[in-house]
């Protein structure tokens, strides 16, 4: 038990120390920088699921801890909080990777439009339309200053017929433009001088080999299957065989608020039980992904006794 007589010397020592701690000013960021400690970077608050960002410019960088890609938005000012998103796997992301590898190690910049999803402590971004941002082409600009139109022109004395040459174009220097360039050559010359600024990564060509199974963009409506876990711990929806006896490949569920709700039901013993699920299919690196929108658990009942 605590004795007042024994605790009195201890209190006499603690009270001055607490008073000094209260009077001491808090450490500033400059003091932390001088001591060599890392100052944490201010991060923007998470966005609500369903938020749509439009034409947001930023840089695509790999995640430091996980095999994922992040999209870091450009800051409006150095003091502005940092905001980034984890890019969800889809065909658009695969096209972005090809553009990023073509200019590596230079960071790839994009203008992105997409929908924001929320899962865990991160915001996830589903890209829908992406434009690749490139630099202007260097052009040779003239250094000659044009004359002032308000000043009178210098009149040259007329030439006599004897001084006139038989070839009126003898003194003109030949140029490639005088050799009868076509309109296509002129347009190509102009495009090369201006250079690309923003180009859509969707060229209309199939740059990715098709994947067997449901194609990207397909909507599944009340498809029967079972909820499970993959080898890496990802949540997977295993489709049951259809009426023809054929079975589509399993679908990895994309992180979202719906997936967080599914995890709660799975903890109550619904994992492996039949269910009906609806959602949109995406493809990435020969794998199928599903963004769940709704589901319903099916209770299996035994047949009635004849």
Protein backbone atom coordinates (compact mmCIF):
# COMPACT_ATOMS: atom_id res chain seq x y z
CA UNK A 1 0.00 0.00 0.00
CA UNK A 2 1.05 3.57 -0.63
CA UNK A 3 2.29 5.42 2.46
CA UNK A 4 2.01 9.23 2.59
CA UNK A 5 5.27 9.52 4.48
CA UNK A 6 7.21 7.47 1.93
CA UNK A 7 5.59 9.21 -1.04
CA UNK A 8 6.32 12.75 0.15
CA UNK A 9 9.99 12.84 -1.00
CA UNK A 10 8.99 11.40 -4.36
CA UNK A 11 6.30 14.05 -4.88
CA UNK A 12 8.79 16.75 -3.94
CA UNK A 13 11.00 15.62 -6.85
CA UNK A 14 8.21 15.12 -9.44
CA UNK A 15 6.43 18.44 -8.95
CA UNK A 16 9.39 20.67 -10.09
CA UNK A 17 10.02 18.39 -13.06
CA UNK A 18 6.39 18.65 -14.22
CA UNK A 19 6.52 22.41 -13.88
CA UNK A 20 9.64 22.61 -16.06
CA UNK A 21 8.05 20.38 -18.68
CA UNK A 22 5.00 22.63 -18.89
CA UNK A 23 7.09 25.80 -19.22
CA UNK A 24 9.33 24.35 -21.96
CA UNK A 25 8.33 25.56 -25.47
CA UNK A 26 7.34 22.89 -28.06
CA UNK A 27 9.97 21.83 -30.57
CA UNK A 28 9.64 23.58 -33.92
CA UNK A 29 10.13 22.11 -37.35
CA UNK A 30 13.39 24.03 -37.73
CA UNK A 31 14.72 22.44 -34.53
CA UNK A 32 13.81 18.99 -35.89
CA UNK A 33 15.59 19.74 -39.14
CA UNK A 34 18.73 20.82 -37.26
CA UNK A 35 18.74 17.65 -35.16
CA UNK A 36 18.43 15.52 -38.29
CA UNK A 37 14.96 14.13 -37.56
CA UNK A 38 12.56 13.53 -40.44
CA UNK A 39 9.72 16.03 -40.57
CA UNK A 40 6.48 14.24 -41.55
CA UNK A 41 4.86 15.41 -44.80
CA UNK A 42 1.35 16.79 -44.41
CA UNK A 43 -1.14 14.59 -46.24
CA UNK A 44 -4.55 15.66 -47.47
CA UNK A 45 -7.64 14.02 -45.94
CA UNK A 46 -9.20 11.06 -47.71
CA UNK A 47 -11.89 11.68 -50.31
CA UNK A 48 -15.30 10.03 -50.12
CA UNK A 49 -15.96 7.05 -52.36
CA UNK A 50 -17.68 8.04 -55.58
CA UNK A 51 -15.77 11.31 -55.96
CA UNK A 52 -14.77 11.98 -59.57
CA UNK A 53 -11.59 13.88 -60.37
CA UNK A 54 -11.33 15.47 -63.81
CA UNK A 55 -8.16 16.34 -65.76
CA UNK A 56 -5.95 16.11 -62.70
CA UNK A 57 -2.26 16.43 -63.57
CA UNK A 58 0.32 14.42 -61.72
CA UNK A 59 3.14 11.88 -61.82
CA UNK A 60 2.93 8.09 -61.88
CA UNK A 61 5.40 6.50 -59.43
CA UNK A 62 5.80 2.96 -58.03
CA UNK A 63 4.83 2.28 -54.44
CA UNK A 64 7.77 1.87 -52.08
CA UNK A 65 6.37 -1.08 -50.11
CA UNK A 66 3.91 -2.88 -52.38
CA UNK A 67 3.90 -3.84 -56.09
CA UNK A 68 1.44 -1.06 -56.90
CA UNK A 69 1.43 2.22 -58.81
CA UNK A 70 0.66 5.58 -57.20
CA UNK A 71 -0.57 8.76 -58.86
CA UNK A 72 0.78 11.86 -57.11
CA UNK A 73 -1.11 15.06 -57.84
CA UNK A 74 0.83 18.25 -58.53
CA UNK A 75 0.87 20.62 -55.58
CA UNK A 76 -0.58 24.09 -56.04
CA UNK A 77 2.03 25.47 -53.62
CA UNK A 78 4.98 24.06 -51.63
CA UNK A 79 2.95 24.32 -48.42
CA UNK A 80 -0.06 22.46 -49.83
CA UNK A 81 -0.68 18.96 -48.42
CA UNK A 82 0.35 15.99 -50.51
CA UNK A 83 -2.40 13.95 -52.16
CA UNK A 84 -1.90 10.68 -54.00
CA UNK A 85 -3.97 7.70 -55.08
CA UNK A 86 -3.29 4.01 -55.61
CA UNK A 87 -4.15 3.12 -59.20
CA UNK A 88 -6.52 0.18 -59.52
CA UNK A 89 -5.64 -2.60 -62.00
CA UNK A 90 -7.38 -2.24 -65.36
CA UNK A 91 -6.50 -2.05 -69.04
CA UNK A 92 -5.97 1.72 -68.87
CA UNK A 93 -3.31 1.20 -66.17
CA UNK A 94 -1.57 -1.34 -68.39
CA UNK A 95 -1.39 1.24 -71.19
CA UNK A 96 -0.01 3.80 -68.73
CA UNK A 97 2.72 1.36 -67.74
CA UNK A 98 3.80 0.98 -71.36
CA UNK A 99 4.13 4.76 -71.73
CA UNK A 100 6.05 5.02 -68.46
CA UNK A 101 8.52 2.31 -69.47
CA UNK A 102 9.13 3.97 -72.85
CA UNK A 103 10.62 7.08 -71.18
CA UNK A 104 12.17 5.46 -68.07
CA UNK A 105 13.91 6.53 -65.87
CA UNK A 106 12.18 9.89 -66.50
CA UNK A 107 8.95 10.07 -64.44
CA UNK A 108 5.80 9.81 -66.56
CA UNK A 109 3.27 12.63 -66.26
CA UNK A 110 -0.40 12.22 -67.07
CA UNK A 111 -3.65 14.13 -67.01
CA UNK A 112 -6.15 11.74 -65.49
CA UNK A 113 -9.92 11.50 -65.08
CA UNK A 114 -11.40 8.77 -62.92
CA UNK A 115 -13.48 7.69 -59.94
CA UNK A 116 -12.19 7.54 -56.38
CA UNK A 117 -12.75 4.49 -54.18
CA UNK A 118 -12.09 4.17 -50.47
CA UNK A 119 -10.61 1.14 -48.74
CA UNK A 120 -8.59 1.00 -45.55
CA UNK A 121 -6.45 4.08 -45.03
CA UNK A 122 -5.95 4.85 -48.72
CA UNK A 123 -7.83 6.34 -51.62
CA UNK A 124 -7.87 4.16 -54.74
CA UNK A 125 -8.37 5.57 -58.20
CA UNK A 126 -10.02 3.85 -61.15
CA UNK A 127 -8.67 5.64 -64.27
CA UNK A 128 -11.18 6.16 -67.07
CA UNK A 129 -9.56 8.68 -69.43
CA UNK A 130 -5.83 9.43 -69.45
CA UNK A 131 -3.72 11.84 -71.49
CA UNK A 132 0.05 11.59 -71.68
CA UNK A 133 1.76 14.94 -71.00
CA UNK A 134 4.93 15.56 -73.01
CA UNK A 135 7.25 18.52 -73.45
CA UNK A 136 7.20 21.08 -76.25
CA UNK A 137 9.54 20.55 -79.18
CA UNK A 138 12.38 23.01 -79.51
CA UNK A 139 12.01 25.38 -82.47
CA UNK A 140 14.48 27.70 -84.15
CA UNK A 141 13.06 31.17 -83.72
CA UNK A 142 14.23 34.13 -85.76
CA UNK A 143 16.22 36.87 -84.08
CA UNK A 144 15.40 39.55 -86.66
CA UNK A 145 13.13 42.33 -85.49
CA UNK A 146 10.47 43.28 -88.06
CA UNK A 147 10.38 46.94 -89.13
CA UNK A 148 7.94 49.35 -87.56
CA UNK A 149 4.92 49.67 -89.89
CA UNK A 150 4.46 53.33 -88.90
CA UNK A 151 7.86 54.31 -90.34
CA UNK A 152 8.10 55.15 -94.07
CA UNK A 153 9.74 52.59 -96.31
CA UNK A 154 13.11 53.33 -97.86
CA UNK A 155 12.57 53.84 -101.57
CA UNK A 156 15.18 52.17 -103.76
CA UNK A 157 16.23 53.84 -107.04
CA UNK A 158 14.69 52.16 -110.09
CA UNK A 159 16.94 49.86 -112.03
CA UNK A 160 17.66 50.36 -115.72
CA UNK A 161 16.85 47.63 -118.27
CA UNK A 162 20.58 47.06 -118.82
CA UNK A 163 21.05 46.16 -115.16
CA UNK A 164 18.20 43.67 -115.24
CA UNK A 165 19.23 40.04 -115.62
CA UNK A 166 17.53 37.63 -117.95
CA UNK A 167 16.69 35.32 -114.98
CA UNK A 168 14.54 37.24 -112.51
CA UNK A 169 15.18 34.55 -109.84
CA UNK A 170 18.96 34.38 -110.22
CA UNK A 171 19.65 36.23 -106.95
CA UNK A 172 17.16 34.17 -104.91
CA UNK A 173 18.65 31.43 -102.76
CA UNK A 174 17.24 27.98 -103.33
CA UNK A 175 15.36 26.42 -100.44
CA UNK A 176 13.68 23.04 -99.96
CA UNK A 177 10.31 24.79 -99.79
CA UNK A 178 10.75 25.97 -103.42
CA UNK A 179 11.04 22.42 -104.71
CA UNK A 180 7.30 21.85 -104.75
CA UNK A 181 6.62 20.36 -101.32
CA UNK A 182 3.25 18.68 -100.95
CA UNK A 183 0.63 19.69 -98.42
CA UNK A 184 1.35 16.53 -96.41
CA UNK A 185 5.03 17.52 -96.12
CA UNK A 186 4.10 21.00 -94.94
CA UNK A 187 1.68 19.61 -92.32
CA UNK A 188 4.28 17.11 -91.14
CA UNK A 189 6.83 19.91 -90.84
CA UNK A 190 4.43 21.98 -88.77
CA UNK A 191 3.58 19.07 -86.48
CA UNK A 192 7.22 18.25 -85.89
CA UNK A 193 7.98 21.87 -85.02
CA UNK A 194 5.10 22.15 -82.53
CA UNK A 195 5.62 18.72 -80.94
CA UNK A 196 3.12 16.64 -78.96
CA UNK A 197 1.57 18.20 -75.86
CA UNK A 198 -1.24 15.95 -74.66
CA UNK A 199 -1.98 12.66 -76.33
CA UNK A 200 -4.56 10.11 -75.32
CA UNK A 201 -3.03 6.75 -74.47
CA UNK A 202 -5.96 5.05 -76.20
CA UNK A 203 -4.72 4.76 -79.79
CA UNK A 204 -7.64 2.60 -80.88
CA UNK A 205 -5.38 -0.41 -81.43
CA UNK A 206 -5.27 -3.59 -79.37
CA UNK A 207 -1.88 -3.14 -77.68
CA UNK A 208 -2.76 -5.82 -75.11
CA UNK A 209 -3.46 -9.42 -76.04
CA UNK A 210 -7.05 -10.48 -75.31
CA UNK A 211 -7.65 -12.54 -72.19
CA UNK A 212 -9.84 -15.63 -72.14
CA UNK A 213 -13.02 -15.08 -70.19
CA UNK A 214 -15.23 -12.01 -69.69
CA UNK A 215 -13.85 -8.90 -71.39
CA UNK A 216 -13.24 -5.57 -69.67
CA UNK A 217 -16.35 -3.49 -69.28
CA UNK A 218 -18.70 -6.44 -69.09
CA UNK A 219 -21.40 -6.16 -66.44
CA UNK A 220 -22.18 -9.26 -64.40
CA UNK A 221 -25.73 -9.37 -63.07
CA UNK A 222 -26.57 -11.73 -60.19
CA UNK A 223 -23.86 -14.21 -61.13
CA UNK A 224 -23.70 -17.20 -58.80
CA UNK A 225 -20.40 -17.99 -57.10
CA UNK A 226 -18.55 -18.25 -53.80
CA UNK A 227 -16.30 -15.89 -51.84
CA UNK A 228 -12.77 -17.04 -51.08
CA UNK A 229 -9.15 -15.96 -50.55
CA UNK A 230 -6.30 -16.20 -53.05
CA UNK A 231 -2.76 -17.40 -52.41
CA UNK A 232 -1.60 -13.83 -51.72
CA UNK A 233 -4.54 -13.07 -49.41
CA UNK A 234 -6.66 -11.19 -51.96
CA UNK A 235 -10.43 -11.66 -51.91
CA UNK A 236 -11.63 -13.73 -54.86
CA UNK A 237 -15.07 -14.45 -56.28
CA UNK A 238 -15.11 -17.96 -57.75
CA UNK A 239 -17.83 -18.30 -60.38
CA UNK A 240 -19.94 -21.44 -60.55
CA UNK A 241 -20.24 -23.35 -63.81
CA UNK A 242 -22.93 -22.15 -66.19
CA UNK A 243 -25.67 -24.22 -67.84
CA UNK A 244 -23.20 -25.46 -70.47
CA UNK A 245 -20.84 -26.83 -67.86
CA UNK A 246 -18.21 -24.17 -68.58
CA UNK A 247 -16.60 -22.23 -65.77
CA UNK A 248 -15.20 -18.69 -66.15
CA UNK A 249 -11.96 -17.77 -64.37
CA UNK A 250 -12.13 -16.45 -60.84
CA UNK A 251 -12.35 -12.68 -60.30
CA UNK A 252 -10.18 -10.71 -57.87
CA UNK A 253 -12.33 -8.18 -56.02
CA UNK A 254 -11.13 -4.57 -56.29
CA UNK A 255 -10.66 -2.61 -53.05
CA UNK A 256 -13.70 -0.49 -52.27
CA UNK A 257 -16.22 0.22 -49.56
CA UNK A 258 -18.30 -2.70 -50.82
CA UNK A 259 -15.36 -5.05 -50.36
CA UNK A 260 -14.96 -3.86 -46.76
CA UNK A 261 -18.61 -4.78 -46.15
CA UNK A 262 -18.05 -8.20 -47.72
CA UNK A 263 -15.13 -8.83 -45.39
CA UNK A 264 -17.44 -8.27 -42.43
CA UNK A 265 -19.95 -10.84 -43.70
CA UNK A 266 -17.16 -13.30 -44.48
CA UNK A 267 -16.08 -13.13 -40.85
CA UNK A 268 -19.53 -14.30 -39.80
CA UNK A 269 -19.07 -17.63 -41.57
CA UNK A 270 -20.31 -16.78 -45.07
CA UNK A 271 -16.99 -17.56 -46.77
CA UNK A 272 -17.40 -20.40 -49.20
CA UNK A 273 -21.18 -20.14 -49.13
CA UNK A 274 -23.12 -19.61 -52.40
CA UNK A 275 -24.00 -16.03 -53.25
CA UNK A 276 -25.18 -13.86 -56.13
CA UNK A 277 -22.93 -10.93 -57.07
CA UNK A 278 -23.16 -8.09 -59.60
CA UNK A 279 -20.39 -5.78 -60.76
CA UNK A 280 -18.11 -4.58 -63.57
CA UNK A 281 -15.23 -6.66 -64.95
CA UNK A 282 -11.71 -5.31 -65.56
CA UNK A 283 -8.62 -7.02 -66.98
CA UNK A 284 -4.97 -6.46 -66.11
CA UNK A 285 -1.95 -8.64 -66.94
CA UNK A 286 -3.96 -11.71 -67.95
CA UNK A 287 -6.07 -11.53 -64.77
CA UNK A 288 -9.71 -10.67 -64.24
CA UNK A 289 -10.92 -8.21 -61.60
CA UNK A 290 -14.40 -7.33 -60.42
CA UNK A 291 -15.68 -4.15 -58.84
CA UNK A 292 -18.60 -5.42 -56.74
CA UNK A 293 -21.72 -3.27 -56.73
CA UNK A 294 -24.27 -5.56 -55.04
CA UNK A 295 -24.57 -9.09 -53.72
CA UNK A 296 -27.00 -11.45 -52.05
CA UNK A 297 -26.31 -14.59 -50.06
CA UNK A 298 -28.18 -17.70 -51.07
CA UNK A 299 -29.43 -20.10 -48.42
CA UNK A 300 -29.33 -23.69 -49.62
CA UNK A 301 -32.35 -25.66 -48.44
CA UNK A 302 -32.72 -29.43 -48.66
CA UNK A 303 -35.33 -30.87 -50.97
CA UNK A 304 -38.75 -31.56 -49.59
CA UNK A 305 -39.57 -35.13 -48.58
CA UNK A 306 -41.67 -36.87 -51.22
